[in-house]
Structures are given as structure tokens and as C-alpha cells.
Amino acid sequence: MPDAIPRFVDYHCHLDLYPDYEAQFANCSEQMVATLAVTTTPRAWPRNRELSEKSAFVRVGLGLHPQLVADRSVEFRLFEKHFSESRFIGEVGLDASPPYYRSYREQKEIFERVLRLCAEHGNKILSVHSVRATRDVLTFIEKLLPAERSRVVLHWFGGTKAEGKLAAELGCYFSVNAEMLNRDPRRAVVATLPLTRILTETDGPFTKTFDQPSRPADVSRVIPLLQSLFNIGAEEIRKQLIANLYALESA
């Protein structure tokens, strides 16, 4: 955790995909946004790690994005090489949407290997992608990764209310963004999640704020949306998000 208490939390952002990515690392500290900078390929890990060492508010996840598995599965050897260097793992997971379904079996194989590594080593925090694959993701977590060994944050959670309940029972956290909460079906599901397990995210630069790619400080826009769901004050929501971050990372 940073020495200073952060004001906001962006627990899933692709800092290295911004044109001014070095400035974005610095901005997280200037704006006091505790940010999990996920990577999509283990090749990106060394440079991201180097940049994060200059920012007390950024931690970096070692990732192999499921959408890239079809072309980059060979890079899992690099993932294994760097695995012990990072407490944070992400973006990893499963994607069963039509453009990526041809690699779904291979995605499952790699996700299983990731979870086994995390269970074996312990004390990891994962940011997990689960597009059209929530049930399979939860089945793998329940089978392979007890909450006492490592923690899972379900990024942009798209599951049902029942799946959200199961995920919470398995010890999972959930990172939510403004785009999710501007859609009624997603709002209804998020409203049933435990507030103590919710973190905020931008998933920038893949989301937009005022027609521009969202940046970590834009995560503040999620707070009034959560306020309307849980019917408590904005400052109470903000403080709860920080408390959730500390609870997750101190476990």
C-alpha cells in the first residue's frame, strides 16, 4: 500500500496502452489514485514494473489476456518466468464471446495453470476477466484457488445475481466501472453485491469519459453511481472503497 492514503481506487486500468503512458504512471501519484495497472502480455511486464517503481500509488499485474491466448499462448513460459516477481496477476481469465471462442479450450488450460500457480505460491491478488464465462471462472476458482491462498477480483463483473452471490461466498471482490453502472441490468446485479467487496475501476483506455479515453482519476465518476445504488453518502462510499482496498491487500 502507498504511504499516503489514496483518495480513489482504479483497480483495473491498462496504463501501458495510453500514448502518454509514462505520464499516466506519474499522474496516479499526483492525483492519489491507487491503481492496478494490468498487462495483457508478459512481455509488457518488465517495462511496467520499472515504471511502477517510480510511483507509490501504482502496482502492476502480470498478465496474459484470454483474448490473446490464440496468438500468444507460447508466452506462458514468460509468465512463469516472471511469476515470482509480482504479487498482482492480471489480466487473466476466460472469454467465451464469439471472436475468441475458438481458443476457449486453450484459455481454460492456461487459466487453470495460473490458478494452480497462485494456489501453490499464495498471497497473490488476481484481476480476472470473465466475459460470457462467469460460471466456468467460478468453477475453476472454487476447485483450484481457496480464498486463504490468494484473492480474486472479478473485473467488469457480468454474471447473474446468483453468480454474484456464489462469487462473494468464494471470497471474491468485484471491480466496477461507470459504463457498467449506466446500464440497468448491470446496476441491478451490482446492487446485490456486498459493498465491502466492491472496488472501482476505469478499464481505461477501453472506456470513455466525455468522449476521451478514461484515465485513473476519472474513476471518481463511479462514486455517485454507487451512492444511488446503496443509498448512502458519497464520502461514505469513497471511504468504504479505500477500506475495501486495504482489506484486500492486507489479507
Protein backbone atom coordinates (compact mmCIF):
# COMPACT_ATOMS: atom_id res chain seq x y z
CA MET A 1 0.00 0.00 0.00
CA PRO A 2 1.18 3.59 -0.58
CA ASP A 3 2.42 5.52 2.44
CA ALA A 4 -0.26 8.18 1.94
CA ILE A 5 -3.92 7.16 1.99
CA PRO A 6 -5.27 7.28 -1.56
CA ARG A 7 -8.33 9.31 -2.46
CA PHE A 8 -9.60 6.94 -5.13
CA VAL A 9 -9.12 3.39 -6.40
CA ASP A 10 -8.76 2.30 -10.03
CA TYR A 11 -8.31 -1.44 -9.71
CA HIS A 12 -8.18 -2.26 -13.40
CA CYS A 13 -6.53 0.05 -15.89
CA HIS A 14 -4.21 -0.54 -18.85
CA LEU A 15 -1.74 2.28 -18.19
CA ASP A 16 0.75 0.99 -20.75
CA LEU A 17 -1.80 1.35 -23.57
CA TYR A 18 -2.05 5.16 -23.34
CA PRO A 19 0.09 7.18 -25.77
CA ASP A 20 1.46 9.13 -22.79
CA TYR A 21 1.75 6.07 -20.59
CA GLU A 22 4.76 7.31 -18.61
CA ALA A 23 2.84 10.44 -17.63
CA GLN A 24 -0.11 8.29 -16.58
CA PHE A 25 2.04 6.43 -14.06
CA ALA A 26 3.12 9.78 -12.59
CA ASN A 27 -0.43 11.14 -12.59
CA CYS A 28 -1.64 8.32 -10.38
CA SER A 29 0.65 9.57 -7.64
CA GLU A 30 -0.14 13.24 -8.22
CA GLN A 31 -3.87 12.56 -8.07
CA MET A 32 -3.58 9.95 -5.30
CA VAL A 33 -5.32 7.16 -7.21
CA ALA A 34 -4.35 3.68 -6.06
CA THR A 35 -4.14 1.95 -9.43
CA LEU A 36 -3.73 -1.64 -10.53
CA ALA A 37 -2.07 -1.43 -13.94
CA VAL A 38 -2.89 -4.72 -15.60
CA THR A 39 -0.92 -6.03 -18.56
CA THR A 40 -2.19 -8.10 -21.47
CA THR A 41 1.05 -9.97 -22.19
CA PRO A 42 4.00 -10.99 -20.03
CA ARG A 43 6.29 -9.23 -22.49
CA ALA A 44 4.95 -5.96 -21.09
CA TRP A 45 5.80 -6.85 -17.51
CA PRO A 46 9.44 -5.64 -17.20
CA ARG A 47 8.78 -2.11 -18.50
CA ASN A 48 5.61 -1.73 -16.47
CA ARG A 49 7.37 -2.91 -13.35
CA GLU A 50 10.16 -0.41 -13.94
CA LEU A 51 7.69 2.47 -14.28
CA SER A 52 5.70 1.40 -11.22
CA GLU A 53 8.80 1.65 -9.04
CA LYS A 54 8.64 5.43 -9.55
CA SER A 55 5.02 5.66 -8.39
CA ALA A 56 3.95 4.74 -4.88
CA PHE A 57 0.33 4.55 -5.98
CA VAL A 58 0.71 2.05 -8.84
CA ARG A 59 1.03 -1.69 -8.58
CA VAL A 60 1.38 -3.76 -11.76
CA GLY A 61 -0.25 -7.06 -12.65
CA LEU A 62 1.49 -9.76 -14.64
CA GLY A 63 -1.00 -10.84 -17.27
CA LEU A 64 -1.85 -12.95 -20.28
CA HIS A 65 -5.19 -11.72 -21.58
CA PRO A 66 -7.59 -14.51 -22.63
CA GLN A 67 -8.35 -12.66 -25.86
CA LEU A 68 -4.68 -13.01 -26.82
CA VAL A 69 -4.28 -16.67 -25.98
CA ALA A 70 -4.86 -17.84 -29.55
CA ASP A 71 -1.77 -15.97 -30.73
CA ARG A 72 0.35 -15.70 -27.60
CA SER A 73 -0.07 -18.89 -25.58
CA VAL A 74 3.63 -19.60 -26.10
CA GLU A 75 4.30 -16.59 -23.88
CA PHE A 76 3.07 -18.51 -20.86
CA ARG A 77 6.69 -19.52 -20.41
CA LEU A 78 7.47 -15.85 -19.85
CA PHE A 79 4.53 -15.64 -17.44
CA GLU A 80 6.04 -18.46 -15.40
CA LYS A 81 9.46 -16.82 -15.52
CA HIS A 82 8.17 -13.55 -14.05
CA PHE A 83 5.53 -15.05 -11.76
CA SER A 84 7.50 -14.76 -8.54
CA GLU A 85 8.27 -11.09 -9.24
CA SER A 86 4.69 -9.86 -8.83
CA ARG A 87 2.09 -10.13 -6.12
CA PHE A 88 -0.52 -8.94 -8.63
CA ILE A 89 -1.74 -11.10 -11.50
CA GLY A 90 -3.85 -9.65 -14.29
CA GLU A 91 -5.35 -9.51 -16.70
CA VAL A 92 -6.10 -13.22 -16.82
CA GLY A 93 -9.28 -15.26 -17.15
CA LEU A 94 -11.70 -16.57 -19.76
CA ASP A 95 -13.58 -15.09 -22.71
CA ALA A 96 -16.25 -17.18 -24.44
CA SER A 97 -17.55 -14.43 -26.73
CA PRO A 98 -17.71 -15.38 -30.44
CA PRO A 99 -14.46 -13.75 -31.64
CA TYR A 100 -12.43 -15.68 -29.05
CA TYR A 101 -14.33 -18.91 -28.60
CA ARG A 102 -12.03 -20.85 -30.93
CA SER A 103 -9.30 -20.59 -28.29
CA TYR A 104 -11.59 -21.34 -25.32
CA ARG A 105 -10.16 -24.76 -24.58
CA GLU A 106 -6.65 -23.34 -24.57
CA GLN A 107 -7.82 -20.40 -22.45
CA LYS A 108 -9.11 -22.87 -19.88
CA GLU A 109 -5.81 -24.73 -19.83
CA ILE A 110 -3.85 -21.55 -19.23
CA PHE A 111 -6.29 -20.19 -16.64
CA GLU A 112 -6.08 -23.48 -14.74
CA ARG A 113 -2.29 -23.25 -14.75
CA VAL A 114 -2.45 -19.65 -13.49
CA LEU A 115 -4.75 -20.60 -10.62
CA ARG A 116 -2.60 -23.58 -9.65
CA LEU A 117 0.48 -21.37 -9.55
CA CYS A 118 -1.34 -18.84 -7.36
CA ALA A 119 -2.56 -21.56 -5.02
CA GLU A 120 0.91 -23.06 -4.76
CA HIS A 121 2.74 -19.78 -4.10
CA GLY A 122 -0.02 -17.99 -2.17
CA ASN A 123 -0.52 -14.31 -1.36
CA LYS A 124 -1.44 -13.27 -4.91
CA ILE A 125 -4.20 -10.88 -5.98
CA LEU A 126 -5.76 -11.59 -9.36
CA SER A 127 -7.78 -9.35 -11.67
CA VAL A 128 -9.93 -11.76 -13.65
CA HIS A 129 -11.76 -11.35 -16.96
CA SER A 130 -14.93 -13.45 -17.33
CA VAL A 131 -16.85 -12.38 -20.45
CA ARG A 132 -19.63 -14.91 -21.13
CA ALA A 133 -17.68 -17.27 -18.89
CA THR A 134 -18.64 -16.37 -15.32
CA ARG A 135 -19.82 -19.84 -14.39
CA ASP A 136 -16.67 -21.50 -15.71
CA VAL A 137 -14.46 -18.93 -13.99
CA LEU A 138 -16.19 -19.53 -10.65
CA THR A 139 -15.98 -23.30 -11.09
CA PHE A 140 -12.23 -23.06 -11.61
CA ILE A 141 -11.80 -20.75 -8.61
CA GLU A 142 -13.89 -22.98 -6.34
CA LYS A 143 -11.91 -26.05 -7.40
CA LEU A 144 -8.39 -24.63 -7.52
CA LEU A 145 -7.94 -21.42 -5.54
CA PRO A 146 -9.10 -21.20 -1.90
CA ALA A 147 -9.51 -17.63 -0.66
CA GLU A 148 -6.88 -18.20 2.02
CA ARG A 149 -4.26 -18.87 -0.66
CA SER A 150 -4.90 -15.89 -2.97
CA ARG A 151 -7.62 -13.33 -3.64
CA VAL A 152 -9.64 -12.79 -6.81
CA VAL A 153 -11.11 -9.53 -8.07
CA LEU A 154 -13.69 -10.11 -10.80
CA HIS A 155 -13.14 -7.29 -13.27
CA TRP A 156 -16.22 -5.80 -15.01
CA PHE A 157 -18.40 -8.49 -13.44
CA GLY A 158 -21.04 -9.63 -15.93
CA GLY A 159 -22.58 -12.52 -14.05
CA THR A 160 -26.06 -13.04 -12.67
CA LYS A 161 -27.23 -12.25 -9.15
CA ALA A 162 -26.83 -15.93 -8.24
CA GLU A 163 -23.30 -15.97 -9.64
CA GLY A 164 -22.50 -12.80 -7.71
CA LYS A 165 -23.69 -14.48 -4.51
CA LEU A 166 -21.53 -17.53 -5.21
CA ALA A 167 -18.51 -15.37 -6.03
CA ALA A 168 -18.88 -13.49 -2.76
CA GLU A 169 -19.13 -16.80 -0.87
CA LEU A 170 -15.86 -17.84 -2.53
CA GLY A 171 -14.20 -14.69 -1.18
CA CYS A 172 -14.11 -12.74 -4.45
CA TYR A 173 -14.10 -8.98 -4.80
CA PHE A 174 -15.66 -7.08 -7.72
CA SER A 175 -14.28 -4.08 -9.64
CA VAL A 176 -16.99 -1.95 -11.27
CA ASN A 177 -16.90 1.00 -13.66
CA ALA A 178 -19.17 3.80 -14.80
CA GLU A 179 -20.09 2.12 -18.07
CA MET A 180 -21.41 -0.90 -16.17
CA LEU A 181 -23.43 1.23 -13.78
CA ASN A 182 -25.07 3.21 -16.56
CA ARG A 183 -26.79 0.02 -17.75
CA ASP A 184 -29.87 -1.13 -15.85
CA PRO A 185 -29.21 -4.92 -15.93
CA ARG A 186 -25.68 -4.46 -14.58
CA ARG A 187 -26.87 -1.96 -11.94
CA ALA A 188 -29.39 -4.47 -10.65
CA VAL A 189 -26.68 -7.11 -10.19
CA VAL A 190 -24.16 -4.74 -8.58
CA ALA A 191 -26.83 -3.62 -6.10
CA THR A 192 -26.93 -7.18 -4.73
CA LEU A 193 -23.16 -7.43 -4.17
CA PRO A 194 -21.68 -6.80 -0.72
CA LEU A 195 -20.49 -3.18 -0.59
CA THR A 196 -17.50 -4.38 1.43
CA ARG A 197 -16.29 -6.37 -1.59
CA ILE A 198 -16.60 -3.64 -4.22
CA LEU A 199 -13.70 -1.73 -5.79
CA THR A 200 -13.84 0.81 -8.59
CA GLU A 201 -12.11 0.65 -11.97
CA THR A 202 -11.94 2.52 -15.27
CA ASP A 203 -10.66 -0.23 -17.60
CA GLY A 204 -9.09 2.68 -19.43
CA PRO A 205 -8.37 3.33 -22.18
CA PHE A 206 -11.19 0.97 -23.26
CA THR A 207 -13.89 3.16 -21.70
CA LYS A 208 -14.53 6.83 -22.32
CA THR A 209 -15.18 9.90 -20.21
CA PHE A 210 -16.58 12.86 -22.12
CA ASP A 211 -15.61 11.21 -25.42
CA GLN A 212 -11.99 10.77 -24.33
CA PRO A 213 -10.30 7.58 -23.06
CA SER A 214 -10.94 7.28 -19.33
CA ARG A 215 -7.94 7.88 -17.10
CA PRO A 216 -7.49 6.72 -13.50
CA ALA A 217 -8.73 9.96 -11.91
CA ASP A 218 -11.99 9.56 -13.85
CA VAL A 219 -12.81 6.69 -11.52
CA SER A 220 -14.32 9.35 -9.22
CA ARG A 221 -17.37 9.27 -11.53
CA VAL A 222 -18.27 5.82 -10.22
CA ILE A 223 -18.86 7.07 -6.67
CA PRO A 224 -22.17 8.91 -7.25
CA LEU A 225 -23.40 5.90 -9.23
CA LEU A 226 -22.67 3.62 -6.28
CA GLN A 227 -24.22 6.20 -3.96
CA SER A 228 -27.50 5.95 -5.85
CA LEU A 229 -27.42 2.15 -5.63
CA PHE A 230 -26.62 1.82 -1.95
CA ASN A 231 -28.36 5.00 -0.73
CA ILE A 232 -25.52 6.27 1.44
CA GLY A 233 -23.38 9.40 1.21
CA ALA A 234 -20.70 9.86 -1.42
CA GLU A 235 -17.95 10.38 1.14
CA GLU A 236 -19.02 7.24 2.99
CA ILE A 237 -18.84 5.33 -0.30
CA ARG A 238 -15.38 6.75 -1.03
CA LYS A 239 -14.07 5.78 2.40
CA GLN A 240 -15.59 2.30 2.10
CA LEU A 241 -13.79 1.74 -1.20
CA ILE A 242 -10.47 2.66 0.43
CA ALA A 243 -11.25 0.35 3.35
CA ASN A 244 -12.02 -2.45 0.88
CA LEU A 245 -8.69 -1.89 -0.83
CA TYR A 246 -6.82 -2.15 2.46
CA ALA A 247 -8.77 -5.24 3.49
CA LEU A 248 -7.98 -6.94 0.17
CA GLU A 249 -4.28 -6.14 0.13
CA SER A 250 -3.60 -6.74 3.81
CA ALA A 251 -5.16 -10.21 3.86
